[in-house]
C-alpha atoms as a PDB file:
ATOM      1  CA  MET A   1      33.973  68.314 -28.024  1.00  0.00           C
ATOM      2  CA  SER A   2      34.696  71.324 -26.088  1.00  0.00           C
ATOM      3  CA  ARG A   3      37.922  72.481 -25.896  1.00  0.00           C
ATOM      4  CA  ILE A   4      39.942  75.407 -24.104  1.00  0.00           C
ATOM      5  CA  GLY A   5      42.815  77.068 -25.885  1.00  0.00           C
ATOM      6  CA  GLY A   6      43.046  74.033 -28.106  1.00  0.00           C
ATOM      7  CA  ARG A   7      43.228  71.611 -25.144  1.00  0.00           C
ATOM      8  CA  MET A   8      40.176  69.258 -24.660  1.00  0.00           C
ATOM      9  CA  LEU A   9      38.472  69.189 -21.595  1.00  0.00           C
ATOM     10  CA  VAL A  10      39.560  66.150 -19.056  1.00  0.00           C
ATOM     11  CA  PRO A  11      36.003  64.183 -19.630  1.00  0.00           C
ATOM     12  CA  GLN A  12      36.110  64.505 -23.482  1.00  0.00           C
ATOM     13  CA  SER A  13      39.915  63.478 -23.519  1.00  0.00           C
ATOM     14  CA  ALA A  14      39.036  60.358 -21.334  1.00  0.00           C
ATOM     15  CA  VAL A  15      36.186  59.594 -23.793  1.00  0.00           C
ATOM     16  CA  GLN A  16      38.663  59.814 -26.856  1.00  0.00           C
ATOM     17  CA  ARG A  17      41.259  57.642 -24.967  1.00  0.00           C
ATOM     18  CA  ILE A  18      38.326  55.002 -23.664  1.00  0.00           C
ATOM     19  CA  GLN A  19      36.950  54.764 -27.351  1.00  0.00           C
ATOM     20  CA  ALA A  20      40.444  54.227 -28.877  1.00  0.00           C
ATOM     21  CA  MET A  21      40.700  51.291 -26.161  1.00  0.00           C
ATOM     22  CA  ILE A  22      37.843  49.781 -27.645  1.00  0.00           C
ATOM     23  CA  LEU A  23      38.389  50.519 -31.104  1.00  0.00           C
ATOM     24  CA  GLU A  24      41.995  49.628 -31.253  1.00  0.00           C
ATOM     25  CA  GLY A  25      41.993  47.052 -28.270  1.00  0.00           C
ATOM     26  CA  PRO A  26      42.630  45.586 -25.652  1.00  0.00           C
ATOM     27  CA  LEU A  27      38.752  45.862 -24.969  1.00  0.00           C
ATOM     28  CA  ALA A  28      36.583  43.777 -26.869  1.00  0.00           C
ATOM     29  CA  PRO A  29      32.823  43.716 -27.058  1.00  0.00           C
ATOM     30  CA  GLY A  30      31.251  41.830 -23.912  1.00  0.00           C
ATOM     31  CA  GLU A  31      34.307  42.712 -21.851  1.00  0.00           C
ATOM     32  CA  ARG A  32      34.294  44.485 -18.684  1.00  0.00           C
ATOM     33  CA  LEU A  33      36.349  47.669 -18.190  1.00  0.00           C
ATOM     34  CA  PRO A  34      38.767  47.937 -15.334  1.00  0.00           C
ATOM     35  CA  ALA A  35      37.221  48.899 -12.068  1.00  0.00           C
ATOM     36  CA  GLN A  36      36.495  52.955 -11.957  1.00  0.00           C
ATOM     37  CA  ARG A  37      39.508  53.770  -9.396  1.00  0.00           C
ATOM     38  CA  GLU A  38      42.001  51.671 -11.635  1.00  0.00           C
ATOM     39  CA  LEU A  39      40.824  53.330 -14.846  1.00  0.00           C
ATOM     40  CA  SER A  40      40.599  56.725 -13.518  1.00  0.00           C
ATOM     41  CA  GLU A  41      44.224  56.236 -12.430  1.00  0.00           C
ATOM     42  CA  GLN A  42      45.115  54.973 -15.527  1.00  0.00           C
ATOM     43  CA  LEU A  43      43.797  57.887 -17.355  1.00  0.00           C
ATOM     44  CA  GLY A  44      45.045  60.420 -14.780  1.00  0.00           C
ATOM     45  CA  ILE A  45      41.720  61.972 -14.109  1.00  0.00           C
ATOM     46  CA  SER A  46      39.178  62.084 -10.949  1.00  0.00           C
ATOM     47  CA  ARG A  47      36.478  59.535 -10.790  1.00  0.00           C
ATOM     48  CA  ALA A  48      33.908  62.161 -11.282  1.00  0.00           C
ATOM     49  CA  SER A  49      35.613  62.905 -14.555  1.00  0.00           C
ATOM     50  CA  LEU A  50      35.725  59.486 -15.429  1.00  0.00           C
ATOM     51  CA  ARG A  51      31.875  58.862 -14.774  1.00  0.00           C
ATOM     52  CA  GLU A  52      31.100  61.788 -16.879  1.00  0.00           C
ATOM     53  CA  ALA A  53      33.215  60.310 -19.620  1.00  0.00           C
ATOM     54  CA  LEU A  54      31.392  56.889 -19.016  1.00  0.00           C
ATOM     55  CA  SER A  55      28.120  58.540 -19.162  1.00  0.00           C
ATOM     56  CA  VAL A  56      28.740  60.114 -22.700  1.00  0.00           C
ATOM     57  CA  LEU A  57      30.149  56.897 -24.095  1.00  0.00           C
ATOM     58  CA  GLU A  58      26.919  55.102 -22.672  1.00  0.00           C
ATOM     59  CA  THR A  59      24.609  57.458 -24.569  1.00  0.00           C
ATOM     60  CA  LEU A  60      26.660  56.805 -27.740  1.00  0.00           C
ATOM     61  CA  GLY A  61      26.269  53.211 -27.341  1.00  0.00           C
ATOM     62  CA  LEU A  62      29.775  52.169 -26.928  1.00  0.00           C
ATOM     63  CA  VAL A  63      29.488  50.949 -23.300  1.00  0.00           C
ATOM     64  CA  ARG A  64      26.765  49.692 -20.969  1.00  0.00           C
ATOM     65  CA  VAL A  65      26.858  50.683 -17.264  1.00  0.00           C
ATOM     66  CA  GLU A  66      25.571  47.988 -15.133  1.00  0.00           C
ATOM     67  CA  VAL A  67      24.810  48.875 -11.435  1.00  0.00           C
ATOM     68  CA  GLY A  68      26.757  46.512  -9.082  1.00  0.00           C
ATOM     69  CA  ARG A  69      28.367  44.515 -12.071  1.00  0.00           C
ATOM     70  CA  GLY A  70      30.556  47.363 -13.962  1.00  0.00           C
ATOM     71  CA  VAL A  71      31.010  48.821 -17.305  1.00  0.00           C
ATOM     72  CA  PHE A  72      30.775  46.627 -20.255  1.00  0.00           C
ATOM     73  CA  VAL A  73      31.680  47.121 -24.138  1.00  0.00           C
ATOM     74  CA  VAL A  74      28.873  47.098 -26.269  1.00  0.00           C
ATOM     75  CA  GLY A  75      29.426  45.482 -29.784  1.00  0.00           C
ATOM     76  CA  ALA A  76      28.950  47.258 -33.109  1.00  0.00           C
ATOM     77  CA  GLY A  77      25.311  45.692 -33.094  1.00  0.00           C
ATOM     78  CA  GLY A  78      24.293  47.323 -29.812  1.00  0.00           C
ATOM     79  CA  GLU A  79      24.487  44.371 -28.018  1.00  0.00           C
ATOM     80  CA  THR A  80      26.361  43.023 -24.786  1.00  0.00           C
ATOM     81  CA  ALA A  81      26.245  39.582 -23.447  1.00  0.00           C
ATOM     82  CA  GLY A  82      23.274  39.139 -25.771  1.00  0.00           C
ATOM     83  CA  ARG A  83      21.107  42.212 -24.630  1.00  0.00           C
ATOM     84  CA  ARG A  84      20.053  44.879 -26.710  1.00  0.00           C
ATOM     85  CA  HIS A  85      21.676  47.999 -25.254  1.00  0.00           C
ATOM     86  CA  VAL A  86      19.145  51.100 -24.610  1.00  0.00           C
ATOM     87  CA  PRO A  87      20.808  54.288 -24.176  1.00  0.00           C
ATOM     88  CA  LYS A  88      19.861  56.347 -21.045  1.00  0.00           C
ATOM     89  CA  TRP A  89      18.446  59.807 -21.095  1.00  0.00           C
ATOM     90  CA  ARG A  90      20.149  61.635 -18.312  1.00  0.00           C
ATOM     91  CA  PHE A  91      17.649  64.733 -18.154  1.00  0.00           C
ATOM     92  CA  ALA A  92      14.609  62.648 -17.553  1.00  0.00           C
ATOM     93  CA  ASP A  93      13.983  64.580 -14.367  1.00  0.00           C
ATOM     94  CA  ARG A  94      13.646  67.869 -16.719  1.00  0.00           C
ATOM     95  CA  TYR A  95      12.289  67.012 -20.063  1.00  0.00           C
ATOM     96  CA  SER A  96      11.402  63.885 -22.172  1.00  0.00           C
ATOM     97  CA  PRO A  97      13.004  63.441 -25.577  1.00  0.00           C
ATOM     98  CA  LEU A  98       9.838  64.026 -27.206  1.00  0.00           C
ATOM     99  CA  GLU A  99       9.564  67.411 -25.567  1.00  0.00           C
ATOM    100  CA  VAL A 100      13.367  68.165 -26.716  1.00  0.00           C
ATOM    101  CA  TYR A 101      12.626  67.303 -30.134  1.00  0.00           C
ATOM    102  CA  GLU A 102       9.345  69.190 -30.182  1.00  0.00           C
ATOM    103  CA  THR A 103      11.236  72.303 -29.091  1.00  0.00           C
ATOM    104  CA  ARG A 104      14.162  71.721 -31.615  1.00  0.00           C
ATOM    105  CA  LEU A 105      11.328  71.277 -34.413  1.00  0.00           C
ATOM    106  CA  MET A 106       9.985  74.574 -33.520  1.00  0.00           C
ATOM    107  CA  LEU A 107      13.163  76.326 -33.281  1.00  0.00           C
ATOM    108  CA  GLU A 108      15.762  74.806 -35.448  1.00  0.00           C
ATOM    109  CA  PRO A 109      13.958  75.004 -39.070  1.00  0.00           C
ATOM    110  CA  ARG A 110      13.227  78.664 -38.326  1.00  0.00           C
ATOM    111  CA  ALA A 111      16.969  78.931 -37.473  1.00  0.00           C
ATOM    112  CA  ALA A 112      17.961  77.348 -40.815  1.00  0.00           C
ATOM    113  CA  ALA A 113      15.619  79.681 -42.712  1.00  0.00           C
ATOM    114  CA  LEU A 114      17.421  82.749 -41.341  1.00  0.00           C
ATOM    115  CA  ALA A 115      20.722  81.379 -41.686  1.00  0.00           C
ATOM    116  CA  ALA A 116      20.205  80.702 -45.419  1.00  0.00           C
ATOM    117  CA  VAL A 117      19.970  84.360 -46.042  1.00  0.00           C
ATOM    118  CA  GLN A 118      22.946  85.762 -44.066  1.00  0.00           C
ATOM    119  CA  PRO A 119      26.239  86.755 -45.773  1.00  0.00           C
ATOM    120  CA  ALA A 120      28.142  83.531 -46.750  1.00  0.00           C
ATOM    121  CA  GLU A 121      31.376  84.071 -44.745  1.00  0.00           C
ATOM    122  CA  PRO A 122      32.721  83.118 -42.222  1.00  0.00           C
ATOM    123  CA  ALA A 123      30.163  80.883 -40.291  1.00  0.00           C
ATOM    124  CA  LEU A 124      28.771  79.171 -43.604  1.00  0.00           C
ATOM    125  CA  ALA A 125      32.452  77.532 -44.169  1.00  0.00           C
ATOM    126  CA  GLU A 126      32.492  76.283 -40.668  1.00  0.00           C
ATOM    127  CA  ILE A 127      29.116  74.600 -41.236  1.00  0.00           C
ATOM    128  CA  GLY A 128      30.526  72.949 -44.519  1.00  0.00           C
ATOM    129  CA  ARG A 129      33.906  71.999 -42.478  1.00  0.00           C
ATOM    130  CA  SER A 130      31.959  70.349 -39.820  1.00  0.00           C
ATOM    131  CA  VAL A 131      29.883  68.220 -42.299  1.00  0.00           C
ATOM    132  CA  GLU A 132      33.249  67.038 -44.331  1.00  0.00           C
ATOM    133  CA  ARG A 133      34.715  66.138 -40.558  1.00  0.00           C
ATOM    134  CA  MET A 134      31.768  64.170 -39.605  1.00  0.00           C
ATOM    135  CA  ARG A 135      31.586  62.073 -42.821  1.00  0.00           C
ATOM    136  CA  ARG A 136      35.480  61.286 -42.388  1.00  0.00           C
ATOM    137  CA  ALA A 137      34.958  60.646 -38.553  1.00  0.00           C
ATOM    138  CA  VAL A 138      32.033  58.274 -39.717  1.00  0.00           C
ATOM    139  CA  GLU A 139      33.908  56.497 -41.864  1.00  0.00           C
ATOM    140  CA  ALA A 140      36.503  56.113 -39.547  1.00  0.00           C
ATOM    141  CA  GLY A 141      34.222  54.553 -36.941  1.00  0.00           C
ATOM    142  CA  ASP A 142      34.881  57.654 -34.546  1.00  0.00           C
ATOM    143  CA  LEU A 143      31.668  58.347 -32.601  1.00  0.00           C
ATOM    144  CA  ILE A 144      33.188  60.970 -30.582  1.00  0.00           C
ATOM    145  CA  ALA A 145      34.355  63.182 -33.349  1.00  0.00           C
ATOM    146  CA  ALA A 146      31.417  62.367 -35.054  1.00  0.00           C
ATOM    147  CA  ALA A 147      28.986  63.540 -32.525  1.00  0.00           C
ATOM    148  CA  ASP A 148      31.364  66.677 -32.023  1.00  0.00           C
ATOM    149  CA  CYS A 149      30.862  67.554 -35.242  1.00  0.00           C
ATOM    150  CA  ASP A 150      27.016  67.147 -35.070  1.00  0.00           C
ATOM    151  CA  SER A 151      26.844  69.520 -32.163  1.00  0.00           C
ATOM    152  CA  VAL A 152      29.025  72.174 -34.009  1.00  0.00           C
ATOM    153  CA  PHE A 153      26.691  71.898 -37.107  1.00  0.00           C
ATOM    154  CA  HIS A 154      23.594  72.687 -35.031  1.00  0.00           C
ATOM    155  CA  ARG A 155      25.056  75.183 -32.912  1.00  0.00           C
ATOM    156  CA  ALA A 156      26.709  77.256 -35.967  1.00  0.00           C
ATOM    157  CA  ILE A 157      23.482  77.157 -37.730  1.00  0.00           C
ATOM    158  CA  VAL A 158      21.536  78.915 -34.940  1.00  0.00           C
ATOM    159  CA  GLU A 159      24.400  81.291 -34.228  1.00  0.00           C
ATOM    160  CA  ARG A 160      24.392  82.219 -37.978  1.00  0.00           C
ATOM    161  CA  SER A 161      20.649  82.662 -37.702  1.00  0.00           C
ATOM    162  CA  GLY A 162      21.425  86.321 -36.215  1.00  0.00           C
ATOM    163  CA  ASN A 163      18.474  85.611 -33.653  1.00  0.00           C
ATOM    164  CA  ARG A 164      20.096  86.505 -30.287  1.00  0.00           C
ATOM    165  CA  MET A 165      17.404  85.006 -28.319  1.00  0.00           C
ATOM    166  CA  PHE A 166      17.677  81.754 -30.340  1.00  0.00           C
ATOM    167  CA  VAL A 167      21.418  81.602 -29.513  1.00  0.00           C
ATOM    168  CA  GLU A 168      20.822  82.121 -25.660  1.00  0.00           C
ATOM    169  CA  LEU A 169      18.176  79.767 -25.449  1.00  0.00           C
ATOM    170  CA  PHE A 170      20.529  77.201 -27.035  1.00  0.00           C
ATOM    171  CA  ARG A 171      23.358  78.034 -24.618  1.00  0.00           C
ATOM    172  CA  THR A 172      21.256  77.684 -21.561  1.00  0.00           C
ATOM    173  CA  VAL A 173      20.446  74.084 -22.495  1.00  0.00           C
ATOM    174  CA  ASP A 174      23.444  73.371 -24.228  1.00  0.00           C
ATOM    175  CA  GLY A 175      23.862  70.120 -22.377  1.00  0.00           C
ATOM    176  CA  VAL A 176      20.525  68.698 -23.139  1.00  0.00           C
ATOM    177  CA  MET A 177      21.003  69.506 -26.731  1.00  0.00           C
ATOM    178  CA  ASP A 178      24.480  67.870 -26.937  1.00  0.00           C
ATOM    179  CA  GLU A 179      22.939  64.660 -25.144  1.00  0.00           C
ATOM    180  CA  ILE A 180      19.603  64.495 -27.390  1.00  0.00           C
ATOM    181  CA  GLN A 181      22.164  64.543 -30.622  1.00  0.00           C
ATOM    182  CA  ARG A 182      24.043  61.779 -29.053  1.00  0.00           C
ATOM    183  CA  LEU A 183      21.048  59.195 -28.763  1.00  0.00           C
ATOM    184  CA  PRO A 184      20.400  58.078 -32.229  1.00  0.00           C
ATOM    185  CA  PHE A 185      24.040  57.064 -32.534  1.00  0.00           C
ATOM    186  CA  ILE A 186      23.169  54.165 -30.761  1.00  0.00           C
ATOM    187  CA  HIS A 187      22.325  52.691 -34.200  1.00  0.00           C
ATOM    188  CA  GLN A 188      25.864  53.094 -35.659  1.00  0.00           C
ATOM    189  CA  GLU A 189      24.861  51.338 -38.681  1.00  0.00           C
ATOM    190  CA  ARG A 190      22.477  54.476 -39.496  1.00  0.00           C
ATOM    191  CA  ILE A 191      24.995  57.404 -38.686  1.00  0.00           C
ATOM    192  CA  GLY A 192      25.393  57.940 -42.368  1.00  0.00           C
ATOM    193  CA  GLU A 193      21.829  58.889 -42.482  1.00  0.00           C
ATOM    194  CA  THR A 194      22.752  61.835 -40.362  1.00  0.00           C
ATOM    195  CA  VAL A 195      25.483  62.961 -42.549  1.00  0.00           C
ATOM    196  CA  ASP A 196      23.347  62.678 -45.466  1.00  0.00           C
ATOM    197  CA  GLU A 197      20.904  64.766 -43.843  1.00  0.00           C
ATOM    198  CA  HIS A 198      23.303  67.402 -42.927  1.00  0.00           C
ATOM    199  CA  GLU A 199      24.538  67.621 -46.327  1.00  0.00           C
ATOM    200  CA  ALA A 200      21.093  68.472 -47.578  1.00  0.00           C
ATOM    201  CA  ILE A 201      20.756  71.237 -45.007  1.00  0.00           C
ATOM    202  CA  LEU A 202      24.086  72.387 -46.149  1.00  0.00           C
ATOM    203  CA  ALA A 203      22.970  72.391 -49.756  1.00  0.00           C
ATOM    204  CA  ALA A 204      20.166  74.759 -49.194  1.00  0.00           C
ATOM    205  CA  LEU A 205      22.046  77.119 -47.122  1.00  0.00           C
ATOM    206  CA  ASN A 206      24.448  77.348 -49.759  1.00  0.00           C
ATOM    207  CA  ALA A 207      21.923  78.149 -52.250  1.00  0.00           C
ATOM    208  CA  GLY A 208      20.351  80.597 -49.902  1.00  0.00           C
ATOM    209  CA  ASP A 209      17.227  78.838 -49.922  1.00  0.00           C
ATOM    210  CA  ALA A 210      15.322  79.943 -46.821  1.00  0.00           C
ATOM    211  CA  GLY A 211      12.355  77.600 -47.396  1.00  0.00           C
ATOM    212  CA  GLY A 212      14.582  74.648 -48.558  1.00  0.00           C
ATOM    213  CA  SER A 213      16.700  75.045 -45.767  1.00  0.00           C
ATOM    214  CA  ALA A 214      13.883  75.184 -42.913  1.00  0.00           C
ATOM    215  CA  LYS A 215      12.313  71.977 -44.747  1.00  0.00           C
ATOM    216  CA  ALA A 216      15.543  70.040 -44.941  1.00  0.00           C
ATOM    217  CA  MET A 217      16.252  70.877 -41.191  1.00  0.00           C
ATOM    218  CA  ALA A 218      12.632  69.718 -40.306  1.00  0.00           C
ATOM    219  CA  ARG A 219      13.061  66.523 -42.153  1.00  0.00           C
ATOM    220  CA  HIS A 220      16.717  65.977 -40.451  1.00  0.00           C
ATOM    221  CA  ILE A 221      15.126  66.429 -36.741  1.00  0.00           C
ATOM    222  CA  MET A 222      12.015  64.152 -37.721  1.00  0.00           C
ATOM    223  CA  ALA A 223      14.435  61.608 -38.731  1.00  0.00           C
ATOM    224  CA  ALA A 224      16.670  61.624 -35.721  1.00  0.00           C
ATOM    225  CA  ALA A 225      13.777  61.522 -33.372  1.00  0.00           C
ATOM    226  CA  GLY A 226      12.462  58.311 -35.319  1.00  0.00           C
ATOM    227  CA  ARG A 227      15.757  56.934 -35.160  1.00  0.00           C
ATOM    228  CA  ILE A 228      15.332  56.468 -31.234  1.00  0.00           C
ATOM    229  CA  GLY A 229      11.626  55.634 -31.478  1.00  0.00           C
ATOM    230  CA  VAL A 230      10.098  59.376 -31.046  1.00  0.00           C
ATOM    231  CA  THR A 231       7.274  60.085 -33.515  1.00  0.00           C
ATOM    232  CA  LEU A 232       6.954  63.970 -34.243  1.00  0.00           C
ATOM    233  CA  ALA A 233       3.982  65.326 -36.411  1.00  0.00           C
ATOM    234  CA  LEU A 234       4.036  68.610 -38.135  1.00  0.00           C
END
């Protein structure tokens, strides 16, 4: 999650606190969260910030927002009250998930290939740290931290590519990229696959293997798309 001077921005801080309430109690699967007014006062944030935080949590599959009924905790199996949770795609009026994944498949493997032949430090170390942190977050069940590491990993590779247009394009649609990377997390039992795929990309980058890095990135993007039912063709 983004920070300013080491301090988490308000919506992300709220996301972490609500996640802690779910993981550590008192909120249990199927249980309804307090009303938004009460919860925003409890967290000391505006209702607009709370809505943003809840939207992130819903995309990750931790809560389900039901209009007119409230916000409910989703179980580890992706269900609440016997209903399978389907994450919302907030950018449907701009792009479909297929369009975003197709764009990523065109750009990110090339970015990975370029990143593989750049000098080792310091960006490569940051990419490696993001993989280590993500595995620890997954083992701890911290989806928020895992999603943060996922974003850092992909952003750092694009920045390491040295292609300024790639970097500018990704910054322009930064929110879209963060959102699309959260969607596969709805399948909590499969998040380990993302870590394994990141490690394969990192290994190719460390070896300075441009072709291997591109192929590993393409496999990862296709697999991530598949985890939300989007089929890509090379």
